[in-house]
């Protein structure tokens, strides 16, 4: 059985431990995964921008965190909503048409990013378990959370009012994110045998689909 939430990261804890699966519903089960230094988070952010290294999983194997993924998703929600709003505002003003703020951008962005970084790692965790190539659940949350960091600068660059440029940025961000995840799961994927190809294709398609969704719903402006 996976003991992701039933043991401390560094082997010690100041709080009494609950026994069995009930421990997963206590604050103490998650506290170690938010106990990281700023330097650790910055180093992991830098690592996510160089997807071809494939050393992220190795470096975070003993101390995967949820702090970085949480704030990356939260920042993405703010950036996506604010920049998406700015782009539509400029488009309306240039054509001298009335503009109204769409609050749905915030809720939509929150659903997309929080949902993606939760559901996709869970699904991949089950798939890897099925193929007898298991990975830690928190490790997957950590990996996918940091894989989304590249979308923050991509969203910022998408303010440039050139459709082809926005598509290139979205595609490049999706490719970098997918490569980062795939290469860091290389050992698990290889141990899945002949079915490794299906896992890699699924990872790439999901990350690329996310970038396409962001492009279509945030930066396709109709006035």
N, C-alpha and C. Protein backbone atom coordinates (compact mmCIF):
# COMPACT_ATOMS: atom_id res chain seq x y z
N UNK A 1 0.84 -1.19 0.00
CA UNK A 1 0.00 0.00 0.00
C UNK A 1 0.87 1.23 0.00
N UNK A 2 0.42 2.28 -0.67
CA UNK A 2 1.16 3.52 -0.73
C UNK A 2 1.08 4.23 0.61
N UNK A 3 2.25 4.66 1.12
CA UNK A 3 2.28 5.31 2.43
C UNK A 3 2.62 6.79 2.31
N UNK A 4 2.23 7.39 1.20
CA UNK A 4 2.59 8.77 0.91
C UNK A 4 2.24 9.71 2.05
N UNK A 5 1.04 9.59 2.60
CA UNK A 5 0.60 10.52 3.63
C UNK A 5 0.67 9.92 5.04
N UNK A 6 1.35 8.81 5.20
CA UNK A 6 1.38 8.17 6.50
C UNK A 6 2.76 8.18 7.15
N UNK A 7 3.70 8.90 6.52
CA UNK A 7 5.03 8.98 7.10
C UNK A 7 5.58 10.39 6.89
N UNK A 8 6.39 10.90 7.81
CA UNK A 8 6.99 12.21 7.65
C UNK A 8 8.07 12.19 6.59
N UNK A 9 8.30 13.34 5.96
CA UNK A 9 9.28 13.41 4.88
C UNK A 9 10.68 13.14 5.38
N UNK A 10 11.06 13.76 6.47
CA UNK A 10 12.43 13.65 6.96
C UNK A 10 12.59 12.63 8.07
N UNK A 11 11.52 11.85 8.34
CA UNK A 11 11.62 10.80 9.32
C UNK A 11 11.31 11.24 10.72
N UNK A 12 11.09 12.54 10.97
CA UNK A 12 10.77 13.03 12.31
C UNK A 12 9.58 13.96 12.24
N UNK A 13 8.91 14.10 13.36
CA UNK A 13 7.78 15.01 13.44
C UNK A 13 7.57 15.41 14.88
N UNK A 14 7.06 16.60 15.08
CA UNK A 14 6.82 17.11 16.43
C UNK A 14 5.42 16.82 16.91
N UNK A 15 4.56 16.26 16.05
CA UNK A 15 3.17 16.06 16.40
C UNK A 15 2.90 14.58 16.57
N UNK A 16 1.96 14.22 17.46
CA UNK A 16 1.61 12.82 17.63
C UNK A 16 1.01 12.25 16.36
N UNK A 17 1.34 11.00 16.06
CA UNK A 17 0.89 10.36 14.84
C UNK A 17 -0.40 9.60 15.06
N UNK A 18 -1.35 9.77 14.13
CA UNK A 18 -2.56 8.96 14.15
C UNK A 18 -2.24 7.65 13.47
N UNK A 19 -2.95 6.63 13.83
CA UNK A 19 -2.66 5.32 13.26
C UNK A 19 -3.52 5.06 12.03
N UNK A 20 -2.95 4.27 11.08
CA UNK A 20 -3.70 3.83 9.92
C UNK A 20 -4.09 4.95 8.97
N UNK A 21 -5.13 4.67 8.19
CA UNK A 21 -5.56 5.60 7.16
C UNK A 21 -6.16 6.89 7.71
N UNK A 22 -6.55 6.90 8.99
CA UNK A 22 -7.10 8.12 9.59
C UNK A 22 -6.08 9.25 9.62
N UNK A 23 -4.80 8.90 9.59
CA UNK A 23 -3.75 9.93 9.63
C UNK A 23 -3.82 10.83 8.40
N UNK A 24 -4.36 10.32 7.29
CA UNK A 24 -4.43 11.12 6.07
C UNK A 24 -5.39 12.29 6.20
N UNK A 25 -6.24 12.28 7.21
CA UNK A 25 -7.21 13.35 7.40
C UNK A 25 -6.78 14.32 8.50
N UNK A 26 -5.52 14.30 8.85
CA UNK A 26 -5.00 15.21 9.86
C UNK A 26 -4.06 16.23 9.21
N UNK A 27 -3.92 17.38 9.86
CA UNK A 27 -3.04 18.42 9.35
C UNK A 27 -1.59 17.95 9.34
N UNK A 28 -1.23 17.15 10.35
CA UNK A 28 0.14 16.67 10.46
C UNK A 28 0.60 15.84 9.28
N UNK A 29 -0.35 15.20 8.58
CA UNK A 29 0.01 14.36 7.43
C UNK A 29 0.53 15.20 6.27
N UNK A 30 0.10 16.44 6.19
CA UNK A 30 0.44 17.29 5.05
C UNK A 30 1.48 18.36 5.39
N UNK A 31 1.64 18.63 6.68
CA UNK A 31 2.56 19.69 7.11
C UNK A 31 3.97 19.55 6.57
N UNK A 32 4.57 18.34 6.57
CA UNK A 32 5.95 18.21 6.06
C UNK A 32 6.11 18.63 4.61
N UNK A 33 5.05 18.53 3.82
CA UNK A 33 5.15 18.85 2.40
C UNK A 33 5.05 20.35 2.12
N UNK A 34 4.84 21.14 3.16
CA UNK A 34 4.85 22.60 3.02
C UNK A 34 6.05 23.21 3.75
N UNK A 35 6.90 22.34 4.27
CA UNK A 35 8.07 22.78 5.03
C UNK A 35 9.28 22.82 4.11
N UNK A 36 9.34 23.85 3.25
CA UNK A 36 10.46 24.01 2.32
C UNK A 36 10.97 25.45 2.38
N UNK A 37 12.24 25.62 2.07
CA UNK A 37 12.84 26.95 2.04
C UNK A 37 12.57 27.62 0.71
N UNK A 38 12.67 28.95 0.72
CA UNK A 38 12.50 29.71 -0.52
C UNK A 38 13.53 29.28 -1.56
N UNK A 39 14.75 29.02 -1.11
CA UNK A 39 15.81 28.61 -2.03
C UNK A 39 15.47 27.29 -2.71
N UNK A 40 14.82 26.38 -1.97
CA UNK A 40 14.42 25.09 -2.55
C UNK A 40 13.39 25.29 -3.64
N UNK A 41 12.40 26.14 -3.36
CA UNK A 41 11.34 26.38 -4.33
C UNK A 41 11.91 27.06 -5.58
N UNK A 42 12.77 28.06 -5.38
CA UNK A 42 13.37 28.77 -6.52
C UNK A 42 14.18 27.82 -7.38
N UNK A 43 14.95 26.95 -6.74
CA UNK A 43 15.76 25.98 -7.47
C UNK A 43 14.88 25.03 -8.29
N UNK A 44 13.73 24.64 -7.73
CA UNK A 44 12.82 23.75 -8.44
C UNK A 44 12.12 24.46 -9.59
N UNK A 45 11.84 25.74 -9.40
CA UNK A 45 11.25 26.53 -10.48
C UNK A 45 12.23 26.63 -11.65
N UNK A 46 13.50 26.86 -11.34
CA UNK A 46 14.52 26.93 -12.39
C UNK A 46 14.63 25.60 -13.11
N UNK A 47 14.57 24.53 -12.33
CA UNK A 47 14.67 23.18 -12.92
C UNK A 47 13.54 22.93 -13.92
N UNK A 48 12.34 23.45 -13.62
CA UNK A 48 11.19 23.22 -14.49
C UNK A 48 11.32 23.95 -15.83
N UNK A 49 12.18 24.98 -15.88
CA UNK A 49 12.38 25.73 -17.12
C UNK A 49 13.43 25.09 -18.03
N UNK A 50 14.08 24.03 -17.54
CA UNK A 50 15.05 23.29 -18.35
C UNK A 50 14.60 21.83 -18.40
N UNK A 51 13.57 21.56 -19.19
CA UNK A 51 12.91 20.24 -19.18
C UNK A 51 13.77 19.08 -19.62
N UNK A 52 14.84 19.34 -20.39
CA UNK A 52 15.62 18.23 -20.93
C UNK A 52 16.64 17.67 -19.94
N UNK A 53 16.77 18.30 -18.78
CA UNK A 53 17.69 17.76 -17.77
C UNK A 53 17.18 16.44 -17.20
N UNK A 54 15.89 16.40 -16.88
CA UNK A 54 15.29 15.18 -16.35
C UNK A 54 15.78 14.80 -14.97
N UNK A 55 16.25 15.78 -14.19
CA UNK A 55 16.80 15.48 -12.86
C UNK A 55 15.89 15.94 -11.72
N UNK A 56 14.73 16.48 -12.05
CA UNK A 56 13.84 17.03 -11.02
C UNK A 56 13.39 15.95 -10.03
N UNK A 57 12.94 14.82 -10.53
CA UNK A 57 12.46 13.74 -9.67
C UNK A 57 13.55 13.23 -8.75
N UNK A 58 14.75 13.12 -9.29
CA UNK A 58 15.88 12.65 -8.48
C UNK A 58 16.19 13.62 -7.35
N UNK A 59 16.14 14.92 -7.65
CA UNK A 59 16.48 15.92 -6.65
C UNK A 59 15.40 16.09 -5.59
N UNK A 60 14.16 15.77 -5.92
CA UNK A 60 13.05 15.96 -4.98
C UNK A 60 12.55 14.64 -4.40
N UNK A 61 13.25 13.55 -4.65
CA UNK A 61 12.78 12.23 -4.23
C UNK A 61 12.58 12.14 -2.72
N UNK A 62 13.48 12.75 -1.96
CA UNK A 62 13.40 12.65 -0.50
C UNK A 62 12.56 13.73 0.15
N UNK A 63 12.26 14.81 -0.59
CA UNK A 63 11.46 15.88 0.00
C UNK A 63 10.56 16.58 -1.02
N UNK A 64 9.63 15.85 -1.63
CA UNK A 64 8.68 16.50 -2.54
C UNK A 64 7.80 17.46 -1.75
N UNK A 65 7.45 18.57 -2.36
CA UNK A 65 6.63 19.55 -1.64
C UNK A 65 5.34 19.86 -2.38
N UNK A 66 4.37 20.34 -1.63
CA UNK A 66 3.10 20.79 -2.20
C UNK A 66 2.97 22.31 -2.14
N UNK A 67 3.93 22.95 -1.47
CA UNK A 67 3.91 24.41 -1.33
C UNK A 67 4.06 25.08 -2.69
N UNK A 68 5.09 24.66 -3.44
CA UNK A 68 5.33 25.22 -4.76
C UNK A 68 4.16 25.02 -5.71
N UNK A 69 3.66 23.78 -5.86
CA UNK A 69 2.51 23.56 -6.74
C UNK A 69 1.29 24.39 -6.38
N UNK A 70 1.02 24.55 -5.07
CA UNK A 70 -0.14 25.35 -4.66
C UNK A 70 0.00 26.80 -5.12
N UNK A 71 1.16 27.39 -4.89
CA UNK A 71 1.34 28.80 -5.26
C UNK A 71 1.51 28.99 -6.75
N UNK A 72 2.03 28.00 -7.44
CA UNK A 72 2.11 28.09 -8.91
C UNK A 72 0.70 28.13 -9.49
N UNK A 73 -0.18 27.24 -9.03
CA UNK A 73 -1.55 27.22 -9.52
C UNK A 73 -2.29 28.51 -9.15
N UNK A 74 -2.08 28.99 -7.92
CA UNK A 74 -2.74 30.22 -7.48
C UNK A 74 -2.28 31.41 -8.32
N UNK A 75 -0.97 31.47 -8.60
CA UNK A 75 -0.44 32.54 -9.43
C UNK A 75 -0.98 32.45 -10.85
N UNK A 76 -1.06 31.22 -11.37
CA UNK A 76 -1.60 31.03 -12.71
C UNK A 76 -3.04 31.51 -12.82
N UNK A 77 -3.82 31.26 -11.77
CA UNK A 77 -5.22 31.71 -11.77
C UNK A 77 -5.29 33.22 -11.87
N UNK A 78 -4.47 33.90 -11.06
CA UNK A 78 -4.45 35.37 -11.09
C UNK A 78 -3.96 35.90 -12.43
N UNK A 79 -2.84 35.33 -12.92
CA UNK A 79 -2.26 35.79 -14.17
C UNK A 79 -3.21 35.55 -15.34
N UNK A 80 -3.79 34.34 -15.39
CA UNK A 80 -4.69 34.00 -16.49
C UNK A 80 -5.91 34.92 -16.51
N UNK A 81 -6.50 35.15 -15.33
CA UNK A 81 -7.70 36.00 -15.26
C UNK A 81 -7.37 37.45 -15.58
N UNK A 82 -6.28 37.96 -15.01
CA UNK A 82 -5.94 39.36 -15.20
C UNK A 82 -5.49 39.67 -16.62
N UNK A 83 -4.62 38.82 -17.17
CA UNK A 83 -4.14 39.06 -18.53
C UNK A 83 -5.23 38.79 -19.56
N UNK A 84 -6.04 37.75 -19.32
CA UNK A 84 -7.16 37.51 -20.22
C UNK A 84 -8.12 38.69 -20.25
N UNK A 85 -8.35 39.27 -19.08
CA UNK A 85 -9.20 40.45 -18.99
C UNK A 85 -8.57 41.64 -19.70
N UNK A 86 -7.26 41.82 -19.50
CA UNK A 86 -6.55 42.94 -20.13
C UNK A 86 -6.60 42.85 -21.65
N UNK A 87 -6.41 41.63 -22.17
CA UNK A 87 -6.43 41.44 -23.62
C UNK A 87 -7.79 41.79 -24.21
N UNK A 88 -8.86 41.33 -23.57
CA UNK A 88 -10.20 41.64 -24.08
C UNK A 88 -10.52 43.14 -23.93
N UNK A 89 -10.02 43.74 -22.85
CA UNK A 89 -10.24 45.19 -22.63
C UNK A 89 -9.61 46.01 -23.76
N UNK A 90 -8.35 45.71 -24.06
CA UNK A 90 -7.66 46.44 -25.13
C UNK A 90 -8.36 46.24 -26.47
N UNK A 91 -8.79 45.00 -26.74
CA UNK A 91 -9.45 44.71 -28.02
C UNK A 91 -10.74 45.51 -28.17
N UNK A 92 -11.50 45.62 -27.08
CA UNK A 92 -12.74 46.39 -27.13
C UNK A 92 -12.47 47.89 -27.26
N UNK A 93 -11.48 48.38 -26.54
CA UNK A 93 -11.18 49.81 -26.58
C UNK A 93 -10.66 50.25 -27.94
N UNK A 94 -9.86 49.39 -28.58
CA UNK A 94 -9.34 49.73 -29.90
C UNK A 94 -10.46 49.87 -30.92
N UNK A 95 -11.54 49.12 -30.72
CA UNK A 95 -12.68 49.20 -31.63
C UNK A 95 -13.77 50.11 -31.07
N UNK A 96 -13.44 50.78 -29.95
CA UNK A 96 -14.35 51.75 -29.33
C UNK A 96 -15.71 51.13 -29.01
N UNK A 97 -15.66 49.94 -28.45
CA UNK A 97 -16.88 49.26 -28.05
C UNK A 97 -16.92 49.10 -26.54
N UNK A 98 -18.13 48.95 -26.01
CA UNK A 98 -18.30 48.83 -24.56
C UNK A 98 -17.70 47.51 -24.07
N UNK A 99 -17.06 47.58 -22.91
CA UNK A 99 -16.41 46.41 -22.34
C UNK A 99 -16.92 46.15 -20.94
N UNK A 100 -17.19 44.89 -20.63
CA UNK A 100 -17.65 44.50 -19.31
C UNK A 100 -16.73 43.41 -18.76
N UNK A 101 -16.39 43.53 -17.48
CA UNK A 101 -15.52 42.55 -16.85
C UNK A 101 -16.25 41.22 -16.69
N UNK A 102 -15.55 40.14 -17.00
CA UNK A 102 -16.14 38.80 -16.90
C UNK A 102 -15.54 38.08 -15.69
N UNK A 103 -16.28 38.03 -14.60
CA UNK A 103 -15.80 37.38 -13.37
C UNK A 103 -15.62 35.88 -13.56
N UNK A 104 -16.26 35.33 -14.59
CA UNK A 104 -16.15 33.89 -14.84
C UNK A 104 -14.72 33.47 -15.18
N UNK A 105 -13.88 34.43 -15.60
CA UNK A 105 -12.50 34.10 -15.91
C UNK A 105 -11.76 33.58 -14.67
N UNK A 106 -12.10 34.15 -13.50
CA UNK A 106 -11.44 33.73 -12.27
C UNK A 106 -11.87 32.32 -11.89
N UNK A 107 -13.17 32.08 -11.85
CA UNK A 107 -13.68 30.76 -11.46
C UNK A 107 -13.28 29.71 -12.50
N UNK A 108 -13.30 30.08 -13.76
CA UNK A 108 -12.91 29.14 -14.82
C UNK A 108 -11.45 28.78 -14.68
N UNK A 109 -10.59 29.77 -14.46
CA UNK A 109 -9.16 29.52 -14.31
C UNK A 109 -8.88 28.65 -13.09
N UNK A 110 -9.58 28.93 -11.99
CA UNK A 110 -9.38 28.15 -10.76
C UNK A 110 -9.76 26.69 -10.99
N UNK A 111 -10.87 26.47 -11.67
CA UNK A 111 -11.30 25.10 -11.95
C UNK A 111 -10.31 24.36 -12.83
N UNK A 112 -9.78 25.06 -13.84
CA UNK A 112 -8.85 24.42 -14.77
C UNK A 112 -7.55 24.04 -14.09
N UNK A 113 -6.92 24.99 -13.41
CA UNK A 113 -5.58 24.74 -12.85
C UNK A 113 -5.61 23.84 -11.62
N UNK A 114 -6.49 24.14 -10.68
CA UNK A 114 -6.57 23.29 -9.49
C UNK A 114 -7.05 21.88 -9.87
N UNK A 115 -8.01 21.83 -10.79
CA UNK A 115 -8.52 20.54 -11.22
C UNK A 115 -7.47 19.73 -11.95
N UNK A 116 -6.73 20.39 -12.84
CA UNK A 116 -5.71 19.69 -13.63
C UNK A 116 -4.62 19.12 -12.76
N UNK A 117 -4.09 19.95 -11.84
CA UNK A 117 -2.95 19.52 -11.03
C UNK A 117 -3.36 18.50 -9.97
N UNK A 118 -4.66 18.29 -9.81
CA UNK A 118 -5.15 17.28 -8.86
C UNK A 118 -5.56 15.99 -9.57
N UNK A 119 -6.38 16.12 -10.60
CA UNK A 119 -6.95 14.95 -11.26
C UNK A 119 -5.94 14.20 -12.12
N UNK A 120 -5.13 14.93 -12.89
CA UNK A 120 -4.17 14.27 -13.79
C UNK A 120 -3.12 13.45 -13.02
N UNK A 121 -2.47 14.01 -11.98
CA UNK A 121 -1.53 13.16 -11.22
C UNK A 121 -2.21 11.95 -10.57
N UNK A 122 -3.45 12.12 -10.09
CA UNK A 122 -4.17 10.99 -9.52
C UNK A 122 -4.39 9.90 -10.56
N UNK A 123 -4.80 10.32 -11.75
CA UNK A 123 -5.03 9.35 -12.83
C UNK A 123 -3.74 8.66 -13.23
N UNK A 124 -2.65 9.44 -13.34
CA UNK A 124 -1.36 8.86 -13.71
C UNK A 124 -0.86 7.91 -12.62
N UNK A 125 -1.12 8.25 -11.37
CA UNK A 125 -0.74 7.38 -10.25
C UNK A 125 -1.39 6.01 -10.38
N UNK A 126 -2.69 6.01 -10.73
CA UNK A 126 -3.43 4.76 -10.90
C UNK A 126 -2.88 3.98 -12.10
N UNK A 127 -2.60 4.69 -13.20
CA UNK A 127 -2.08 4.04 -14.40
C UNK A 127 -0.73 3.39 -14.14
N UNK A 128 0.16 4.11 -13.47
CA UNK A 128 1.49 3.57 -13.16
C UNK A 128 1.39 2.38 -12.22
N UNK A 129 0.45 2.45 -11.28
CA UNK A 129 0.22 1.31 -10.39
C UNK A 129 -0.23 0.08 -11.20
N UNK A 130 -1.13 0.32 -12.15
CA UNK A 130 -1.67 -0.77 -12.96
C UNK A 130 -0.57 -1.42 -13.80
N UNK A 131 0.36 -0.61 -14.30
CA UNK A 131 1.45 -1.12 -15.12
C UNK A 131 2.64 -1.58 -14.29
N UNK A 132 2.45 -1.67 -12.97
CA UNK A 132 3.51 -2.12 -12.05
C UNK A 132 4.75 -1.24 -12.14
N UNK A 133 4.52 0.07 -12.31
CA UNK A 133 5.61 1.04 -12.32
C UNK A 133 5.23 2.20 -11.41
N UNK A 134 4.94 1.91 -10.13
CA UNK A 134 4.36 2.91 -9.24
C UNK A 134 5.29 4.08 -8.92
N UNK A 135 4.68 5.23 -8.70
CA UNK A 135 5.39 6.42 -8.27
C UNK A 135 4.63 7.00 -7.09
N UNK A 136 5.33 7.70 -6.18
CA UNK A 136 4.67 8.30 -5.03
C UNK A 136 3.65 9.34 -5.46
N UNK A 137 2.52 9.37 -4.80
CA UNK A 137 1.45 10.30 -5.17
C UNK A 137 1.88 11.75 -4.98
N UNK A 138 2.50 12.06 -3.84
CA UNK A 138 2.96 13.44 -3.61
C UNK A 138 4.03 13.82 -4.61
N UNK A 139 4.87 12.87 -4.99
CA UNK A 139 5.89 13.14 -5.99
C UNK A 139 5.25 13.55 -7.32
N UNK A 140 4.14 12.92 -7.67
CA UNK A 140 3.44 13.28 -8.91
C UNK A 140 2.77 14.63 -8.79
N UNK A 141 2.16 14.91 -7.63
CA UNK A 141 1.59 16.24 -7.41
C UNK A 141 2.66 17.32 -7.55
N UNK A 142 3.81 17.05 -6.94
CA UNK A 142 4.93 17.99 -6.98
C UNK A 142 5.41 18.19 -8.41
N UNK A 143 5.61 17.11 -9.14
CA UNK A 143 6.10 17.16 -10.51
C UNK A 143 5.14 17.93 -11.41
N UNK A 144 3.86 17.60 -11.35
CA UNK A 144 2.89 18.27 -12.21
C UNK A 144 2.69 19.73 -11.81
N UNK A 145 2.76 20.01 -10.51
CA UNK A 145 2.62 21.39 -10.08
C UNK A 145 3.71 22.27 -10.66
N UNK A 146 4.95 21.81 -10.56
CA UNK A 146 6.07 22.61 -11.09
C UNK A 146 6.09 22.60 -12.62
N UNK A 147 5.50 21.60 -13.23
CA UNK A 147 5.47 21.56 -14.69
C UNK A 147 4.60 22.68 -15.27
N UNK A 148 3.71 23.23 -14.45
CA UNK A 148 2.83 24.30 -14.93
C UNK A 148 3.47 25.68 -14.83
N UNK A 149 4.64 25.77 -14.20
CA UNK A 149 5.27 27.08 -14.01
C UNK A 149 5.56 27.77 -15.34
N UNK A 150 5.92 27.00 -16.36
CA UNK A 150 6.26 27.58 -17.65
C UNK A 150 5.09 28.33 -18.28
N UNK A 151 3.86 28.00 -17.85
CA UNK A 151 2.70 28.68 -18.40
C UNK A 151 2.55 30.11 -17.88
N UNK A 152 3.21 30.45 -16.78
CA UNK A 152 3.13 31.82 -16.26
C UNK A 152 3.79 32.81 -17.21
N UNK A 153 5.08 32.62 -17.59
CA UNK A 153 5.65 33.53 -18.59
C UNK A 153 4.96 33.43 -19.95
N UNK A 154 4.45 32.22 -20.27
CA UNK A 154 3.75 32.06 -21.56
C UNK A 154 2.49 32.92 -21.60
N UNK A 155 1.75 32.93 -20.49
CA UNK A 155 0.54 33.76 -20.43
C UNK A 155 0.88 35.24 -20.51
N UNK A 156 1.97 35.63 -19.86
CA UNK A 156 2.39 37.04 -19.90
C UNK A 156 2.76 37.45 -21.33
N UNK A 157 3.42 36.57 -22.06
CA UNK A 157 3.82 36.88 -23.44
C UNK A 157 2.62 36.91 -24.38
N UNK A 158 1.53 36.30 -23.96
CA UNK A 158 0.36 36.22 -24.82
C UNK A 158 -0.40 37.54 -24.96
N UNK A 159 0.08 38.58 -24.29
CA UNK A 159 -0.55 39.89 -24.47
C UNK A 159 -0.20 40.48 -25.83
N UNK A 160 0.84 39.94 -26.47
CA UNK A 160 1.21 40.42 -27.81
C UNK A 160 0.07 40.11 -28.77
N UNK A 161 -0.48 41.14 -29.45
CA UNK A 161 -1.68 40.95 -30.28
C UNK A 161 -1.41 40.33 -31.64
N UNK A 162 -0.67 39.23 -31.67
CA UNK A 162 -0.42 38.49 -32.91
C UNK A 162 -0.88 37.06 -32.71
N UNK A 163 -1.85 36.65 -33.48
CA UNK A 163 -2.46 35.34 -33.30
C UNK A 163 -1.46 34.21 -33.47
N UNK A 164 -0.62 34.28 -34.49
CA UNK A 164 0.34 33.22 -34.74
C UNK A 164 1.36 33.16 -33.60
N UNK A 165 1.74 34.32 -33.06
CA UNK A 165 2.69 34.35 -31.94
C UNK A 165 2.08 33.69 -30.71
N UNK A 166 0.81 33.92 -30.46
CA UNK A 166 0.14 33.31 -29.32
C UNK A 166 0.07 31.80 -29.45
N UNK A 167 -0.18 31.32 -30.66
CA UNK A 167 -0.22 29.88 -30.88
C UNK A 167 1.16 29.26 -30.67
N UNK A 168 2.20 29.94 -31.15
CA UNK A 168 3.57 29.44 -30.97
C UNK A 168 3.92 29.37 -29.48
N UNK A 169 3.59 30.42 -28.74
CA UNK A 169 3.88 30.46 -27.31
C UNK A 169 3.13 29.35 -26.57
N UNK A 170 1.85 29.16 -26.91
CA UNK A 170 1.05 28.12 -26.26
C UNK A 170 1.61 26.73 -26.57
N UNK A 171 1.98 26.50 -27.82
CA UNK A 171 2.53 25.21 -28.20
C UNK A 171 3.88 24.94 -27.56
N UNK A 172 4.73 25.97 -27.50
CA UNK A 172 6.05 25.81 -26.89
C UNK A 172 5.94 25.53 -25.40
N UNK A 173 5.04 26.24 -24.72
CA UNK A 173 4.84 26.02 -23.28
C UNK A 173 4.33 24.61 -23.02
N UNK A 174 3.38 24.16 -23.84
CA UNK A 174 2.85 22.81 -23.70
C UNK A 174 3.91 21.75 -23.94
N UNK A 175 4.75 21.97 -24.95
CA UNK A 175 5.82 21.02 -25.26
C UNK A 175 6.84 20.95 -24.13
N UNK A 176 7.26 22.10 -23.61
CA UNK A 176 8.24 22.14 -22.51
C UNK A 176 7.68 21.47 -21.26
N UNK A 177 6.42 21.74 -20.97
CA UNK A 177 5.78 21.15 -19.79
C UNK A 177 5.67 19.63 -19.92
N UNK A 178 5.26 19.18 -21.09
CA UNK A 178 5.11 17.75 -21.34
C UNK A 178 6.46 17.04 -21.30
N UNK A 179 7.48 17.66 -21.88
CA UNK A 179 8.83 17.07 -21.88
C UNK A 179 9.36 16.97 -20.46
N UNK A 180 9.12 18.00 -19.66
CA UNK A 180 9.56 18.01 -18.27
C UNK A 180 8.97 16.84 -17.49
N UNK A 181 7.67 16.61 -17.66
CA UNK A 181 7.01 15.50 -16.96
C UNK A 181 7.50 14.16 -17.47
N UNK A 182 7.55 14.00 -18.79
CA UNK A 182 7.91 12.71 -19.38
C UNK A 182 9.34 12.29 -19.02
N UNK A 183 10.29 13.20 -19.14
CA UNK A 183 11.68 12.85 -18.86
C UNK A 183 11.92 12.57 -17.39
N UNK A 184 11.17 13.24 -16.51
CA UNK A 184 11.34 13.00 -15.08
C UNK A 184 10.63 11.74 -14.60
N UNK A 185 9.77 11.19 -15.45
CA UNK A 185 9.12 9.91 -15.14
C UNK A 185 9.71 8.77 -15.98
N UNK A 186 10.86 9.06 -16.60
CA UNK A 186 11.46 8.11 -17.53
C UNK A 186 11.66 6.73 -16.92
N UNK A 187 12.19 6.69 -15.69
CA UNK A 187 12.47 5.40 -15.06
C UNK A 187 11.18 4.61 -14.84
N UNK A 188 10.12 5.28 -14.39
CA UNK A 188 8.84 4.60 -14.17
C UNK A 188 8.23 4.17 -15.50
N UNK A 189 8.33 5.04 -16.50
CA UNK A 189 7.74 4.75 -17.80
C UNK A 189 8.44 3.55 -18.46
N UNK A 190 9.78 3.52 -18.36
CA UNK A 190 10.54 2.41 -18.96
C UNK A 190 10.19 1.08 -18.32
N UNK A 191 9.92 1.11 -17.01
CA UNK A 191 9.60 -0.14 -16.31
C UNK A 191 8.20 -0.65 -16.62
N UNK A 192 7.43 0.15 -17.37
CA UNK A 192 6.08 -0.28 -17.75
C UNK A 192 6.11 -1.22 -18.96
N UNK A 193 7.32 -1.47 -19.47
CA UNK A 193 7.44 -2.41 -20.59
C UNK A 193 7.03 -1.80 -21.91
N UNK A 194 6.39 -2.60 -22.76
CA UNK A 194 6.02 -2.15 -24.10
C UNK A 194 4.95 -1.06 -24.08
N UNK A 195 4.27 -0.89 -22.95
CA UNK A 195 3.19 0.10 -22.88
C UNK A 195 3.69 1.49 -22.54
N UNK A 196 5.01 1.68 -22.47
CA UNK A 196 5.58 2.98 -22.13
C UNK A 196 5.14 4.04 -23.14
N UNK A 197 4.98 3.63 -24.40
CA UNK A 197 4.63 4.59 -25.46
C UNK A 197 3.27 5.23 -25.18
N UNK A 198 2.31 4.43 -24.70
CA UNK A 198 0.98 4.94 -24.42
C UNK A 198 1.02 5.98 -23.29
N UNK A 199 1.87 5.73 -22.29
CA UNK A 199 1.98 6.67 -21.17
C UNK A 199 2.58 7.99 -21.64
N UNK A 200 3.64 7.92 -22.44
CA UNK A 200 4.30 9.14 -22.94
C UNK A 200 3.34 9.94 -23.81
N UNK A 201 2.64 9.26 -24.71
CA UNK A 201 1.68 9.95 -25.59
C UNK A 201 0.59 10.63 -24.77
N UNK A 202 0.09 9.94 -23.75
CA UNK A 202 -0.96 10.51 -22.91
C UNK A 202 -0.47 11.75 -22.18
N UNK A 203 0.77 11.69 -21.66
CA UNK A 203 1.35 12.85 -20.97
C UNK A 203 1.46 14.04 -21.91
N UNK A 204 1.98 13.80 -23.10
CA UNK A 204 2.15 14.89 -24.06
C UNK A 204 0.81 15.47 -24.49
N UNK A 205 -0.15 14.61 -24.80
CA UNK A 205 -1.44 15.09 -25.27
C UNK A 205 -2.17 15.90 -24.21
N UNK A 206 -2.08 15.48 -22.95
CA UNK A 206 -2.75 16.22 -21.88
C UNK A 206 -2.14 17.60 -21.68
N UNK A 207 -0.82 17.67 -21.69
CA UNK A 207 -0.16 18.96 -21.50
C UNK A 207 -0.41 19.90 -22.69
N UNK A 208 -0.37 19.33 -23.88
CA UNK A 208 -0.66 20.13 -25.07
C UNK A 208 -2.12 20.57 -25.09
N UNK A 209 -3.01 19.69 -24.64
CA UNK A 209 -4.42 20.04 -24.58
C UNK A 209 -4.65 21.20 -23.63
N UNK A 210 -3.93 21.21 -22.51
CA UNK A 210 -4.05 22.32 -21.57
C UNK A 210 -3.64 23.64 -22.21
N UNK A 211 -2.54 23.63 -22.94
CA UNK A 211 -2.08 24.86 -23.59
C UNK A 211 -3.07 25.33 -24.66
N UNK A 212 -3.67 24.38 -25.38
CA UNK A 212 -4.66 24.75 -26.40
C UNK A 212 -5.92 25.34 -25.75
N UNK A 213 -6.35 24.73 -24.64
CA UNK A 213 -7.51 25.25 -23.91
C UNK A 213 -7.26 26.68 -23.43
N UNK A 214 -6.07 26.92 -22.89
CA UNK A 214 -5.73 28.28 -22.44
C UNK A 214 -5.76 29.26 -23.60
N UNK A 215 -5.23 28.83 -24.73
CA UNK A 215 -5.21 29.71 -25.91
C UNK A 215 -6.62 30.00 -26.40
N UNK A 216 -7.46 29.00 -26.49
CA UNK A 216 -8.80 29.18 -27.05
C UNK A 216 -9.72 29.98 -26.14
N UNK A 217 -9.61 29.76 -24.84
CA UNK A 217 -10.56 30.37 -23.92
C UNK A 217 -10.08 31.68 -23.30
N UNK A 218 -8.77 31.93 -23.35
CA UNK A 218 -8.25 33.17 -22.76
C UNK A 218 -7.75 34.17 -23.78
N UNK A 219 -7.27 33.70 -24.91
CA UNK A 219 -6.64 34.61 -25.85
C UNK A 219 -7.19 34.54 -27.25
N UNK A 220 -8.42 34.06 -27.38
CA UNK A 220 -9.14 34.17 -28.64
C UNK A 220 -10.21 35.24 -28.42
N UNK A 221 -9.92 36.43 -28.87
CA UNK A 221 -10.75 37.60 -28.57
C UNK A 221 -11.73 37.86 -29.70
N UNK A 222 -12.99 37.88 -29.36
CA UNK A 222 -14.03 38.25 -30.32
C UNK A 222 -14.74 39.51 -29.83
N UNK A 223 -14.83 40.50 -30.68
CA UNK A 223 -15.45 41.77 -30.31
C UNK A 223 -16.66 42.01 -31.18
